[in-house]
Amino acid sequence: MSYDTVNYETVEPAAPGMHFLRDPLDAENLGVTVLDAEEGWEGMEHDHAEDGQEEIYVLLSGAATVTIDGEDVDLDAGDAVRIDAGASRDITVHEDSQWVLAGAP
């Protein structure tokens, strides 16, 4: 078969509201995460310098701030941001939101 499907709501969350889809979709080169986050949710500051993973965050609904290398980037529904692999990043959610996060080397 040349494709795989999954409903993200059937995938066990890796953290509250965070559904990693790479393994269930048997993806080799692309990571995709769906994040359902309540107001006040905060991520963990991290980077991908070692694995070279560039990421794109798409905010589907809600409002949030992504802090990238110490600079706050405010996002509203429909906004997207691309983050270099070596840049530190962290999410702070200001109102209930839904995201699609994608990353690949």
PDB file of N, CA and C in Angstrom:
ATOM      1  N   MET A   1       0.850  -1.167   0.000  1.00  0.00           N
ATOM      2  CA  MET A   1       0.000   0.000   0.000  1.00  0.00           C
ATOM      3  C   MET A   1       0.899   1.234   0.000  1.00  0.00           C
ATOM      4  N   SER A   2       0.510   2.267  -0.743  1.00  0.00           N
ATOM      5  CA  SER A   2       1.329   3.462  -0.883  1.00  0.00           C
ATOM      6  C   SER A   2       0.909   4.601   0.040  1.00  0.00           C
ATOM      7  N   TYR A   3       0.083   4.311   1.049  1.00  0.00           N
ATOM      8  CA  TYR A   3      -0.331   5.340   2.009  1.00  0.00           C
ATOM      9  C   TYR A   3      -0.731   4.697   3.324  1.00  0.00           C
ATOM     10  N   ASP A   4      -0.823   5.534   4.365  1.00  0.00           N
ATOM     11  CA  ASP A   4      -1.293   5.118   5.680  1.00  0.00           C
ATOM     12  C   ASP A   4      -2.249   6.187   6.188  1.00  0.00           C
ATOM     13  N   THR A   5      -3.213   5.798   6.999  1.00  0.00           N
ATOM     14  CA  THR A   5      -4.145   6.754   7.580  1.00  0.00           C
ATOM     15  C   THR A   5      -4.253   6.517   9.081  1.00  0.00           C
ATOM     16  N   VAL A   6      -4.614   7.574   9.795  1.00  0.00           N
ATOM     17  CA  VAL A   6      -4.854   7.472  11.232  1.00  0.00           C
ATOM     18  C   VAL A   6      -5.713   8.669  11.636  1.00  0.00           C
ATOM     19  N   ASN A   7      -6.561   8.479  12.617  1.00  0.00           N
ATOM     20  CA  ASN A   7      -7.274   9.590  13.237  1.00  0.00           C
ATOM     21  C   ASN A   7      -6.477   9.974  14.469  1.00  0.00           C
ATOM     22  N   TYR A   8      -6.034  11.211  14.549  1.00  0.00           N
ATOM     23  CA  TYR A   8      -5.138  11.594  15.639  1.00  0.00           C
ATOM     24  C   TYR A   8      -5.752  11.366  17.012  1.00  0.00           C
ATOM     25  N   GLU A   9      -7.072  11.436  17.114  1.00  0.00           N
ATOM     26  CA  GLU A   9      -7.721  11.252  18.413  1.00  0.00           C
ATOM     27  C   GLU A   9      -7.603   9.817  18.923  1.00  0.00           C
ATOM     28  N   THR A  10      -7.225   8.871  18.047  1.00  0.00           N
ATOM     29  CA  THR A  10      -7.048   7.479  18.472  1.00  0.00           C
ATOM     30  C   THR A  10      -5.609   7.190  18.893  1.00  0.00           C
ATOM     31  N   VAL A  11      -4.718   8.175  18.719  1.00  0.00           N
ATOM     32  CA  VAL A  11      -3.308   8.010  19.064  1.00  0.00           C
ATOM     33  C   VAL A  11      -3.105   8.444  20.510  1.00  0.00           C
ATOM     34  N   GLU A  12      -2.492   7.573  21.299  1.00  0.00           N
ATOM     35  CA  GLU A  12      -2.220   7.879  22.705  1.00  0.00           C
ATOM     36  C   GLU A  12      -1.374   9.154  22.803  1.00  0.00           C
ATOM     37  N   PRO A  13      -1.808  10.151  23.572  1.00  0.00           N
ATOM     38  CA  PRO A  13      -1.021  11.385  23.681  1.00  0.00           C
ATOM     39  C   PRO A  13       0.342  11.131  24.318  1.00  0.00           C
ATOM     40  N   ALA A  14       1.373  11.778  23.768  1.00  0.00           N
ATOM     41  CA  ALA A  14       2.717  11.690  24.325  1.00  0.00           C
ATOM     42  C   ALA A  14       2.853  12.611  25.536  1.00  0.00           C
ATOM     43  N   ALA A  15       2.052  13.652  25.560  1.00  0.00           N
ATOM     44  CA  ALA A  15       1.921  14.602  26.662  1.00  0.00           C
ATOM     45  C   ALA A  15       0.482  15.101  26.559  1.00  0.00           C
ATOM     46  N   PRO A  16      -0.026  15.789  27.563  1.00  0.00           N
ATOM     47  CA  PRO A  16      -1.425  16.228  27.489  1.00  0.00           C
ATOM     48  C   PRO A  16      -1.740  16.969  26.188  1.00  0.00           C
ATOM     49  N   GLY A  17      -2.673  16.406  25.410  1.00  0.00           N
ATOM     50  CA  GLY A  17      -3.121  17.026  24.175  1.00  0.00           C
ATOM     51  C   GLY A  17      -2.180  16.916  22.999  1.00  0.00           C
ATOM     52  N   MET A  18      -1.037  16.231  23.142  1.00  0.00           N
ATOM     53  CA  MET A  18      -0.018  16.177  22.100  1.00  0.00           C
ATOM     54  C   MET A  18       0.026  14.790  21.472  1.00  0.00           C
ATOM     55  N   HIS A  19      -0.381  14.715  20.203  1.00  0.00           N
ATOM     56  CA  HIS A  19      -0.485  13.438  19.492  1.00  0.00           C
ATOM     57  C   HIS A  19       0.576  13.372  18.392  1.00  0.00           C
ATOM     58  N   PHE A  20       1.608  12.542  18.599  1.00  0.00           N
ATOM     59  CA  PHE A  20       2.665  12.339  17.611  1.00  0.00           C
ATOM     60  C   PHE A  20       2.170  11.335  16.571  1.00  0.00           C
ATOM     61  N   LEU A  21       2.245  11.708  15.298  1.00  0.00           N
ATOM     62  CA  LEU A  21       1.690  10.863  14.238  1.00  0.00           C
ATOM     63  C   LEU A  21       2.746  10.184  13.371  1.00  0.00           C
ATOM     64  N   ARG A  22       4.021  10.466  13.586  1.00  0.00           N
ATOM     65  CA  ARG A  22       5.069   9.882  12.737  1.00  0.00           C
ATOM     66  C   ARG A  22       4.998   8.356  12.727  1.00  0.00           C
ATOM     67  N   ASP A  23       5.016   7.734  13.896  1.00  0.00           N
ATOM     68  CA  ASP A  23       5.011   6.271  13.957  1.00  0.00           C
ATOM     69  C   ASP A  23       3.692   5.661  13.475  1.00  0.00           C
ATOM     70  N   PRO A  24       2.531   6.166  13.926  1.00  0.00           N
ATOM     71  CA  PRO A  24       1.286   5.574  13.441  1.00  0.00           C
ATOM     72  C   PRO A  24       1.114   5.673  11.923  1.00  0.00           C
ATOM     73  N   LEU A  25       1.725   6.692  11.312  1.00  0.00           N
ATOM     74  CA  LEU A  25       1.645   6.842   9.857  1.00  0.00           C
ATOM     75  C   LEU A  25       2.829   6.211   9.139  1.00  0.00           C
ATOM     76  N   ASP A  26       3.742   5.603   9.911  1.00  0.00           N
ATOM     77  CA  ASP A  26       4.918   4.950   9.354  1.00  0.00           C
ATOM     78  C   ASP A  26       5.737   5.905   8.482  1.00  0.00           C
ATOM     79  N   ALA A  27       5.847   7.170   8.929  1.00  0.00           N
ATOM     80  CA  ALA A  27       6.607   8.177   8.182  1.00  0.00           C
ATOM     81  C   ALA A  27       8.098   8.018   8.482  1.00  0.00           C
ATOM     82  N   GLU A  28       8.909   8.069   7.455  1.00  0.00           N
ATOM     83  CA  GLU A  28      10.344   7.915   7.614  1.00  0.00           C
ATOM     84  C   GLU A  28      11.065   9.242   7.807  1.00  0.00           C
ATOM     85  N   ASN A  29      10.588  10.315   7.159  1.00  0.00           N
ATOM     86  CA  ASN A  29      11.335  11.568   7.132  1.00  0.00           C
ATOM     87  C   ASN A  29      10.593  12.778   7.682  1.00  0.00           C
ATOM     88  N   LEU A  30       9.331  12.642   7.982  1.00  0.00           N
ATOM     89  CA  LEU A  30       8.526  13.784   8.396  1.00  0.00           C
ATOM     90  C   LEU A  30       7.810  13.474   9.694  1.00  0.00           C
ATOM     91  N   GLY A  31       7.944  14.371  10.653  1.00  0.00           N
ATOM     92  CA  GLY A  31       7.197  14.256  11.895  1.00  0.00           C
ATOM     93  C   GLY A  31       6.019  15.200  11.862  1.00  0.00           C
ATOM     94  N   VAL A  32       4.863  14.733  12.301  1.00  0.00           N
ATOM     95  CA  VAL A  32       3.661  15.553  12.370  1.00  0.00           C
ATOM     96  C   VAL A  32       3.019  15.332  13.727  1.00  0.00           C
ATOM     97  N   THR A  33       2.659  16.437  14.374  1.00  0.00           N
ATOM     98  CA  THR A  33       2.021  16.385  15.675  1.00  0.00           C
ATOM     99  C   THR A  33       0.781  17.247  15.643  1.00  0.00           C
ATOM    100  N   VAL A  34      -0.309  16.749  16.232  1.00  0.00           N
ATOM    101  CA  VAL A  34      -1.489  17.568  16.461  1.00  0.00           C
ATOM    102  C   VAL A  34      -1.488  17.900  17.948  1.00  0.00           C
ATOM    103  N   LEU A  35      -1.646  19.177  18.250  1.00  0.00           N
ATOM    104  CA  LEU A  35      -1.653  19.640  19.630  1.00  0.00           C
ATOM    105  C   LEU A  35      -2.965  20.342  19.922  1.00  0.00           C
ATOM    106  N   ASP A  36      -3.723  19.814  20.873  1.00  0.00           N
ATOM    107  CA  ASP A  36      -4.905  20.469  21.417  1.00  0.00           C
ATOM    108  C   ASP A  36      -4.501  20.999  22.788  1.00  0.00           C
ATOM    109  N   ALA A  37      -4.432  22.317  22.930  1.00  0.00           N
ATOM    110  CA  ALA A  37      -3.896  22.905  24.151  1.00  0.00           C
ATOM    111  C   ALA A  37      -4.896  23.883  24.763  1.00  0.00           C
ATOM    112  N   GLU A  38      -5.048  23.776  26.066  1.00  0.00           N
ATOM    113  CA  GLU A  38      -5.929  24.692  26.781  1.00  0.00           C
ATOM    114  C   GLU A  38      -5.178  25.968  27.145  1.00  0.00           C
ATOM    115  N   GLU A  39      -5.935  27.025  27.381  1.00  0.00           N
ATOM    116  CA  GLU A  39      -5.352  28.288  27.826  1.00  0.00           C
ATOM    117  C   GLU A  39      -4.407  28.037  28.994  1.00  0.00           C
ATOM    118  N   GLY A  40      -3.232  28.640  28.946  1.00  0.00           N
ATOM    119  CA  GLY A  40      -2.243  28.469  30.006  1.00  0.00           C
ATOM    120  C   GLY A  40      -1.250  27.345  29.763  1.00  0.00           C
ATOM    121  N   TRP A  41      -1.489  26.503  28.742  1.00  0.00           N
ATOM    122  CA  TRP A  41      -0.567  25.414  28.420  1.00  0.00           C
ATOM    123  C   TRP A  41       0.784  26.006  28.043  1.00  0.00           C
ATOM    124  N   GLU A  42       1.845  25.407  28.546  1.00  0.00           N
ATOM    125  CA  GLU A  42       3.188  25.836  28.185  1.00  0.00           C
ATOM    126  C   GLU A  42       3.999  24.636  27.742  1.00  0.00           C
ATOM    127  N   GLY A  43       4.733  24.819  26.669  1.00  0.00           N
ATOM    128  CA  GLY A  43       5.589  23.758  26.169  1.00  0.00           C
ATOM    129  C   GLY A  43       6.897  23.713  26.916  1.00  0.00           C
ATOM    130  N   MET A  44       7.797  22.932  26.397  1.00  0.00           N
ATOM    131  CA  MET A  44       9.127  22.789  26.969  1.00  0.00           C
ATOM    132  C   MET A  44      10.124  23.407  25.991  1.00  0.00           C
ATOM    133  N   GLU A  45      10.927  24.344  26.462  1.00  0.00           N
ATOM    134  CA  GLU A  45      11.914  24.957  25.585  1.00  0.00           C
ATOM    135  C   GLU A  45      12.878  23.886  25.086  1.00  0.00           C
ATOM    136  N   HIS A  46      13.119  23.897  23.780  1.00  0.00           N
ATOM    137  CA  HIS A  46      14.014  22.912  23.178  1.00  0.00           C
ATOM    138  C   HIS A  46      14.507  23.416  21.829  1.00  0.00           C
ATOM    139  N   ASP A  47      15.458  22.702  21.265  1.00  0.00           N
ATOM    140  CA  ASP A  47      15.894  22.941  19.898  1.00  0.00           C
ATOM    141  C   ASP A  47      16.144  21.592  19.243  1.00  0.00           C
ATOM    142  N   HIS A  48      16.497  21.636  17.977  1.00  0.00           N
ATOM    143  CA  HIS A  48      16.786  20.407  17.239  1.00  0.00           C
ATOM    144  C   HIS A  48      18.149  20.513  16.556  1.00  0.00           C
ATOM    145  N   ALA A  49      19.089  21.154  17.246  1.00  0.00           N
ATOM    146  CA  ALA A  49      20.430  21.330  16.678  1.00  0.00           C
ATOM    147  C   ALA A  49      21.086  19.996  16.354  1.00  0.00           C
ATOM    148  N   GLU A  50      20.893  19.004  17.213  1.00  0.00           N
ATOM    149  CA  GLU A  50      21.565  17.710  17.001  1.00  0.00           C
ATOM    150  C   GLU A  50      20.980  16.904  15.853  1.00  0.00           C
ATOM    151  N   ASP A  51      19.648  16.965  15.667  1.00  0.00           N
ATOM    152  CA  ASP A  51      19.039  16.151  14.611  1.00  0.00           C
ATOM    153  C   ASP A  51      18.715  16.942  13.344  1.00  0.00           C
ATOM    154  N   GLY A  52      18.933  18.271  13.366  1.00  0.00           N
ATOM    155  CA  GLY A  52      18.739  19.080  12.165  1.00  0.00           C
ATOM    156  C   GLY A  52      17.294  19.245  11.745  1.00  0.00           C
ATOM    157  N   GLN A  53      16.363  19.084  12.676  1.00  0.00           N
ATOM    158  CA  GLN A  53      14.940  19.124  12.315  1.00  0.00           C
ATOM    159  C   GLN A  53      14.407  20.550  12.292  1.00  0.00           C
ATOM    160  N   GLU A  54      14.118  21.036  11.105  1.00  0.00           N
ATOM    161  CA  GLU A  54      13.416  22.299  10.917  1.00  0.00           C
ATOM    162  C   GLU A  54      11.946  22.043  11.230  1.00  0.00           C
ATOM    163  N   GLU A  55      11.254  23.005  11.830  1.00  0.00           N
ATOM    164  CA  GLU A  55       9.844  22.793  12.160  1.00  0.00           C
ATOM    165  C   GLU A  55       8.983  23.941  11.645  1.00  0.00           C
ATOM    166  N   ILE A  56       7.737  23.608  11.355  1.00  0.00           N
ATOM    167  CA  ILE A  56       6.709  24.593  11.035  1.00  0.00           C
ATOM    168  C   ILE A  56       5.558  24.364  11.991  1.00  0.00           C
ATOM    169  N   TYR A  57       5.126  25.430  12.651  1.00  0.00           N
ATOM    170  CA  TYR A  57       3.978  25.389  13.551  1.00  0.00           C
ATOM    171  C   TYR A  57       2.842  26.153  12.882  1.00  0.00           C
ATOM    172  N   VAL A  58       1.682  25.524  12.757  1.00  0.00           N
ATOM    173  CA  VAL A  58       0.490  26.166  12.204  1.00  0.00           C
ATOM    174  C   VAL A  58      -0.557  26.213  13.306  1.00  0.00           C
ATOM    175  N   LEU A  59      -0.984  27.415  13.670  1.00  0.00           N
ATOM    176  CA  LEU A  59      -2.015  27.594  14.684  1.00  0.00           C
ATOM    177  C   LEU A  59      -3.366  27.622  13.977  1.00  0.00           C
ATOM    178  N   LEU A  60      -4.160  26.569  14.165  1.00  0.00           N
ATOM    179  CA  LEU A  60      -5.447  26.464  13.488  1.00  0.00           C
ATOM    180  C   LEU A  60      -6.526  27.286  14.185  1.00  0.00           C
ATOM    181  N   SER A  61      -6.487  27.310  15.523  1.00  0.00           N
ATOM    182  CA  SER A  61      -7.459  28.096  16.282  1.00  0.00           C
ATOM    183  C   SER A  61      -6.818  28.561  17.580  1.00  0.00           C
ATOM    184  N   GLY A  62      -7.322  29.666  18.116  1.00  0.00           N
ATOM    185  CA  GLY A  62      -6.810  30.180  19.374  1.00  0.00           C
ATOM    186  C   GLY A  62      -5.784  31.281  19.187  1.00  0.00           C
ATOM    187  N   ALA A  63      -5.015  31.531  20.252  1.00  0.00           N
ATOM    188  CA  ALA A  63      -3.960  32.543  20.235  1.00  0.00           C
ATOM    189  C   ALA A  63      -2.833  32.060  21.127  1.00  0.00           C
ATOM    190  N   ALA A  64      -1.592  32.358  20.733  1.00  0.00           N
ATOM    191  CA  ALA A  64      -0.438  31.867  21.480  1.00  0.00           C
ATOM    192  C   ALA A  64       0.789  32.692  21.132  1.00  0.00           C
ATOM    193  N   THR A  65       1.835  32.469  21.902  1.00  0.00           N
ATOM    194  CA  THR A  65       3.140  33.060  21.624  1.00  0.00           C
ATOM    195  C   THR A  65       4.145  31.930  21.499  1.00  0.00           C
ATOM    196  N   VAL A  66       4.947  31.970  20.454  1.00  0.00           N
ATOM    197  CA  VAL A  66       6.077  31.064  20.321  1.00  0.00           C
ATOM    198  C   VAL A  66       7.320  31.904  20.563  1.00  0.00           C
ATOM    199  N   THR A  67       8.111  31.508  21.543  1.00  0.00           N
ATOM    200  CA  THR A  67       9.359  32.218  21.832  1.00  0.00           C
ATOM    201  C   THR A  67      10.479  31.498  21.101  1.00  0.00           C
ATOM    202  N   ILE A  68      11.135  32.231  20.196  1.00  0.00           N
ATOM    203  CA  ILE A  68      12.182  31.667  19.349  1.00  0.00           C
ATOM    204  C   ILE A  68      13.473  32.427  19.623  1.00  0.00           C
ATOM    205  N   ASP A  69      14.460  31.721  20.167  1.00  0.00           N
ATOM    206  CA  ASP A  69      15.732  32.350  20.535  1.00  0.00           C
ATOM    207  C   ASP A  69      15.512  33.623  21.353  1.00  0.00           C
ATOM    208  N   GLY A  70      14.553  33.570  22.291  1.00  0.00           N
ATOM    209  CA  GLY A  70      14.288  34.685  23.183  1.00  0.00           C
ATOM    210  C   GLY A  70      13.367  35.760  22.630  1.00  0.00           C
ATOM    211  N   GLU A  71      12.958  35.648  21.373  1.00  0.00           N
ATOM    212  CA  GLU A  71      12.071  36.638  20.758  1.00  0.00           C
ATOM    213  C   GLU A  71      10.645  36.080  20.719  1.00  0.00           C
ATOM    214  N   ASP A  72       9.691  36.855  21.245  1.00  0.00           N
ATOM    215  CA  ASP A  72       8.289  36.437  21.253  1.00  0.00           C
ATOM    216  C   ASP A  72       7.653  36.698  19.898  1.00  0.00           C
ATOM    217  N   VAL A  73       7.022  35.652  19.343  1.00  0.00           N
ATOM    218  CA  VAL A  73       6.296  35.753  18.086  1.00  0.00           C
ATOM    219  C   VAL A  73       4.841  35.435  18.411  1.00  0.00           C
ATOM    220  N   ASP A  74       3.973  36.453  18.355  1.00  0.00           N
ATOM    221  CA  ASP A  74       2.558  36.259  18.661  1.00  0.00           C
ATOM    222  C   ASP A  74       1.842  35.694  17.450  1.00  0.00           C
ATOM    223  N   LEU A  75       1.029  34.664  17.691  1.00  0.00           N
ATOM    224  CA  LEU A  75       0.284  34.014  16.615  1.00  0.00           C
ATOM    225  C   LEU A  75      -1.205  34.038  16.913  1.00  0.00           C
ATOM    226  N   ASP A  76      -1.999  34.234  15.872  1.00  0.00           N
ATOM    227  CA  ASP A  76      -3.449  34.107  15.924  1.00  0.00           C
ATOM    228  C   ASP A  76      -3.861  32.991  14.972  1.00  0.00           C
ATOM    229  N   ALA A  77      -5.109  32.579  15.051  1.00  0.00           N
ATOM    230  CA  ALA A  77      -5.604  31.498  14.200  1.00  0.00           C
ATOM    231  C   ALA A  77      -5.263  31.767  12.739  1.00  0.00           C
ATOM    232  N   GLY A  78      -4.705  30.752  12.093  1.00  0.00           N
ATOM    233  CA  GLY A  78      -4.324  30.851  10.692  1.00  0.00           C
ATOM    234  C   GLY A  78      -2.868  31.197  10.470  1.00  0.00           C
ATOM    235  N   ASP A  79      -2.163  31.641  11.514  1.00  0.00           N
ATOM    236  CA  ASP A  79      -0.753  32.000  11.380  1.00  0.00           C
ATOM    237  C   ASP A  79       0.135  30.755  11.431  1.00  0.00           C
ATOM    238  N   ALA A  80       1.270  30.855  10.750  1.00  0.00           N
ATOM    239  CA  ALA A  80       2.261  29.780  10.754  1.00  0.00           C
ATOM    240  C   ALA A  80       3.639  30.404  10.939  1.00  0.00           C
ATOM    241  N   VAL A  81       4.541  29.635  11.542  1.00  0.00           N
ATOM    242  CA  VAL A  81       5.918  30.079  11.724  1.00  0.00           C
ATOM    243  C   VAL A  81       6.861  28.904  11.440  1.00  0.00           C
ATOM    244  N   ARG A  82       7.972  29.189  10.723  1.00  0.00           N
ATOM    245  CA  ARG A  82       9.002  28.192  10.465  1.00  0.00           C
ATOM    246  C   ARG A  82      10.160  28.488  11.404  1.00  0.00           C
ATOM    247  N   ILE A  83      10.748  27.430  11.980  1.00  0.00           N
ATOM    248  CA  ILE A  83      11.804  27.596  12.965  1.00  0.00           C
ATOM    249  C   ILE A  83      13.033  26.793  12.534  1.00  0.00           C
ATOM    250  N   ASP A  84      14.189  27.468  12.472  1.00  0.00           N
ATOM    251  CA  ASP A  84      15.442  26.789  12.143  1.00  0.00           C
ATOM    252  C   ASP A  84      15.735  25.694  13.166  1.00  0.00           C
ATOM    253  N   ALA A  85      16.422  24.667  12.745  1.00  0.00           N
ATOM    254  CA  ALA A  85      16.738  23.535  13.626  1.00  0.00           C
ATOM    255  C   ALA A  85      17.479  23.959  14.884  1.00  0.00           C
ATOM    256  N   GLY A  86      18.451  24.858  14.772  1.00  0.00           N
ATOM    257  CA  GLY A  86      19.271  25.232  15.909  1.00  0.00           C
ATOM    258  C   GLY A  86      18.664  26.266  16.841  1.00  0.00           C
ATOM    259  N   ALA A  87      17.520  26.811  16.481  1.00  0.00           N
ATOM    260  CA  ALA A  87      16.886  27.847  17.297  1.00  0.00           C
ATOM    261  C   ALA A  87      16.102  27.215  18.450  1.00  0.00           C
ATOM    262  N   SER A  88      16.198  27.836  19.630  1.00  0.00           N
ATOM    263  CA  SER A  88      15.379  27.356  20.746  1.00  0.00           C
ATOM    264  C   SER A  88      13.944  27.824  20.519  1.00  0.00           C
ATOM    265  N   ARG A  89      12.996  27.008  21.004  1.00  0.00           N
ATOM    266  CA  ARG A  89      11.593  27.336  20.806  1.00  0.00           C
ATOM    267  C   ARG A  89      10.786  26.865  21.993  1.00  0.00           C
ATOM    268  N   ASP A  90       9.695  27.594  22.246  1.00  0.00           N
ATOM    269  CA  ASP A  90       8.786  27.276  23.344  1.00  0.00           C
ATOM    270  C   ASP A  90       7.438  27.895  23.015  1.00  0.00           C
ATOM    271  N   ILE A  91       6.363  27.199  23.365  1.00  0.00           N
ATOM    272  CA  ILE A  91       4.996  27.669  23.093  1.00  0.00           C
ATOM    273  C   ILE A  91       4.333  28.045  24.403  1.00  0.00           C
ATOM    274  N   THR A  92       3.634  29.192  24.406  1.00  0.00           N
ATOM    275  CA  THR A  92       2.756  29.587  25.507  1.00  0.00           C
ATOM    276  C   THR A  92       1.384  29.879  24.920  1.00  0.00           C
ATOM    277  N   VAL A  93       0.363  29.173  25.390  1.00  0.00           N
ATOM    278  CA  VAL A  93      -0.988  29.285  24.846  1.00  0.00           C
ATOM    279  C   VAL A  93      -1.793  30.304  25.653  1.00  0.00           C
ATOM    280  N   HIS A  94      -2.407  31.270  24.955  1.00  0.00           N
ATOM    281  CA  HIS A  94      -3.190  32.325  25.605  1.00  0.00           C
ATOM    282  C   HIS A  94      -4.682  32.022  25.639  1.00  0.00           C
ATOM    283  N   GLU A  95      -5.148  31.195  24.714  1.00  0.00           N
ATOM    284  CA  GLU A  95      -6.533  30.735  24.725  1.00  0.00           C
ATOM    285  C   GLU A  95      -6.567  29.357  24.089  1.00  0.00           C
ATOM    286  N   ASP A  96      -7.587  28.574  24.435  1.00  0.00           N
ATOM    287  CA  ASP A  96      -7.671  27.214  23.904  1.00  0.00           C
ATOM    288  C   ASP A  96      -7.306  27.222  22.422  1.00  0.00           C
ATOM    289  N   SER A  97      -6.488  26.268  22.022  1.00  0.00           N
ATOM    290  CA  SER A  97      -6.003  26.294  20.648  1.00  0.00           C
ATOM    291  C   SER A  97      -5.782  24.899  20.101  1.00  0.00           C
ATOM    292  N   GLN A  98      -5.691  24.845  18.785  1.00  0.00           N
ATOM    293  CA  GLN A  98      -5.348  23.608  18.096  1.00  0.00           C
ATOM    294  C   GLN A  98      -4.248  23.929  17.094  1.00  0.00           C
ATOM    295  N   TRP A  99      -3.275  23.036  17.024  1.00  0.00           N
ATOM    296  CA  TRP A  99      -2.080  23.223  16.213  1.00  0.00           C
ATOM    297  C   TRP A  99      -1.810  21.997  15.354  1.00  0.00           C
ATOM    298  N   VAL A 100      -1.099  22.228  14.252  1.00  0.00           N
ATOM    299  CA  VAL A 100      -0.401  21.170  13.528  1.00  0.00           C
ATOM    300  C   VAL A 100       1.068  21.576  13.515  1.00  0.00           C
ATOM    301  N   LEU A 101       1.919  20.677  14.021  1.00  0.00           N
ATOM    302  CA  LEU A 101       3.357  20.905  14.082  1.00  0.00           C
ATOM    303  C   LEU A 101       4.024  19.901  13.158  1.00  0.00           C
ATOM    304  N   ALA A 102       4.871  20.362  12.262  1.00  0.00           N
ATOM    305  CA  ALA A 102       5.535  19.460  11.314  1.00  0.00           C
ATOM    306  C   ALA A 102       7.026  19.716  11.352  1.00  0.00           C
ATOM    307  N   GLY A 103       7.814  18.645  11.238  1.00  0.00           N
ATOM    308  CA  GLY A 103       9.248  18.802  11.248  1.00  0.00           C
ATOM    309  C   GLY A 103       9.947  17.743  10.423  1.00  0.00           C
ATOM    310  N   ALA A 104      11.049  18.149   9.825  1.00  0.00           N
ATOM    311  CA  ALA A 104      11.868  17.221   9.031  1.00  0.00           C
ATOM    312  C   ALA A 104      13.284  17.765   8.950  1.00  0.00           C
ATOM    313  N   PRO A 105      14.263  16.865   8.816  1.00  0.00           N
ATOM    314  CA  PRO A 105      15.635  17.349   8.642  1.00  0.00           C
ATOM    315  C   PRO A 105      15.822  17.959   7.266  1.00  0.00           C
TER     316      PRO A 105
END
